[in-house]
Amino acid sequence: MTHEQLKQKALKNVDVKKEYDDLDLEFQLLNEMLHARKGAGLNQSQVADLMGTKQAAITRLESALSSGLHSPSIATLKKYALAVGCHLDIKFVHNKVAVS
């Protein structure tokens, strides 16, 4: 069974689907952070040096997002963005409303 098949099977469970959907924003943020870091050609240790922290803190930051147990502050996200040569852009997007 492939990863995608396993995921689709698990998502048929209502409770699993709810938890998965609840973590969607964290997964999107983590994906953006990892792409930015890798795009900058940096590893966690280098990002930590640029942020003035330890590599373990970057590992915790990236790991916590995937578990949904921790939400980093905007200040931390700004520091991370600057370290990887980016800026932080936060916006509100209107929900799509179904037309009947």
Protein backbone atom coordinates (compact mmCIF):
# COMPACT_ATOMS: atom_id res chain seq x y z
CA MET A 1 0.00 0.00 0.00
CA THR A 2 1.39 3.41 -0.95
CA HIS A 3 1.49 6.38 1.40
CA GLU A 4 -1.29 8.09 -0.57
CA GLN A 5 -3.50 4.98 -0.44
CA LEU A 6 -2.95 4.69 3.31
CA LYS A 7 -3.77 8.38 3.75
CA GLN A 8 -6.98 8.10 1.74
CA LYS A 9 -8.02 5.01 3.71
CA ALA A 10 -7.36 6.78 7.02
CA LEU A 11 -9.24 9.91 5.92
CA LYS A 12 -12.41 7.86 5.48
CA ASN A 13 -12.57 7.80 9.29
CA VAL A 14 -14.51 10.91 10.37
CA ASP A 15 -12.34 11.50 13.46
CA VAL A 16 -9.10 11.18 11.50
CA LYS A 17 -10.44 13.52 8.80
CA LYS A 18 -11.37 16.16 11.39
CA GLU A 19 -7.90 16.03 13.00
CA TYR A 20 -6.24 16.16 9.59
CA ASP A 21 -8.31 19.17 8.55
CA ASP A 22 -7.58 20.90 11.86
CA LEU A 23 -3.83 20.61 11.16
CA ASP A 24 -4.03 21.83 7.56
CA LEU A 25 -2.83 25.36 8.33
CA GLU A 26 0.13 24.07 10.37
CA PHE A 27 1.09 21.70 7.54
CA GLN A 28 0.93 24.57 5.04
CA LEU A 29 3.11 26.75 7.25
CA LEU A 30 5.63 23.96 7.81
CA ASN A 31 5.76 23.28 4.07
CA GLU A 32 6.42 26.98 3.37
CA MET A 33 9.16 27.11 6.01
CA LEU A 34 10.92 23.99 4.75
CA HIS A 35 10.77 25.13 1.13
CA ALA A 36 12.14 28.55 2.08
CA ARG A 37 14.98 27.04 4.13
CA LYS A 38 15.93 24.54 1.44
CA GLY A 39 15.56 27.20 -1.26
CA ALA A 40 18.04 29.33 0.66
CA GLY A 41 20.41 26.36 0.78
CA LEU A 42 20.47 26.37 4.56
CA ASN A 43 20.30 23.62 7.14
CA GLN A 44 18.73 23.96 10.57
CA SER A 45 22.04 24.79 12.22
CA GLN A 46 22.70 27.65 9.81
CA VAL A 47 19.20 29.06 10.31
CA ALA A 48 19.72 28.84 14.07
CA ASP A 49 22.98 30.78 13.82
CA LEU A 50 21.29 33.49 11.75
CA MET A 51 18.44 33.69 14.28
CA GLY A 52 20.77 33.75 17.27
CA THR A 53 19.48 30.49 18.70
CA LYS A 54 20.43 26.82 18.84
CA GLN A 55 19.79 24.20 16.18
CA ALA A 56 17.63 22.25 18.64
CA ALA A 57 15.22 25.22 18.79
CA ILE A 58 14.78 25.10 15.00
CA THR A 59 14.22 21.34 15.14
CA ARG A 60 11.58 21.86 17.85
CA LEU A 61 9.96 24.66 15.85
CA GLU A 62 9.68 22.58 12.67
CA SER A 63 8.68 19.40 14.54
CA ALA A 64 6.07 21.13 16.69
CA LEU A 65 4.28 22.44 13.62
CA SER A 66 3.90 18.94 12.22
CA SER A 67 2.38 17.72 15.48
CA GLY A 68 0.10 20.72 15.97
CA LEU A 69 1.28 21.01 19.58
CA HIS A 70 2.86 24.43 19.25
CA SER A 71 2.11 27.57 17.32
CA PRO A 72 5.14 29.83 16.90
CA SER A 73 4.81 33.54 17.58
CA ILE A 74 4.73 36.02 14.73
CA ALA A 75 8.06 37.39 15.99
CA THR A 76 9.64 33.93 15.68
CA LEU A 77 8.21 33.45 12.19
CA LYS A 78 9.57 36.87 11.15
CA LYS A 79 13.05 35.96 12.43
CA TYR A 80 12.91 32.62 10.61
CA ALA A 81 11.77 34.32 7.40
CA LEU A 82 14.61 36.86 7.57
CA ALA A 83 17.14 34.10 8.26
CA VAL A 84 16.11 32.27 5.07
CA GLY A 85 16.09 35.45 2.97
CA CYS A 86 12.33 35.99 2.97
CA HIS A 87 9.74 38.23 4.58
CA LEU A 88 6.59 37.15 6.36
CA ASP A 89 3.31 37.86 4.57
CA ILE A 90 0.15 37.15 6.56
CA LYS A 91 -3.25 37.79 5.05
CA PHE A 92 -6.88 36.98 5.57
CA VAL A 93 -8.55 35.20 2.66
CA HIS A 94 -12.32 35.20 2.32
CA ASN A 95 -13.91 31.77 2.47
CA LYS A 96 -15.48 30.56 -0.72
CA VAL A 97 -19.25 30.60 -0.40
CA ALA A 98 -21.19 28.00 -2.30
CA VAL A 99 -23.82 29.53 -4.54
CA SER A 100 -27.10 27.62 -4.50
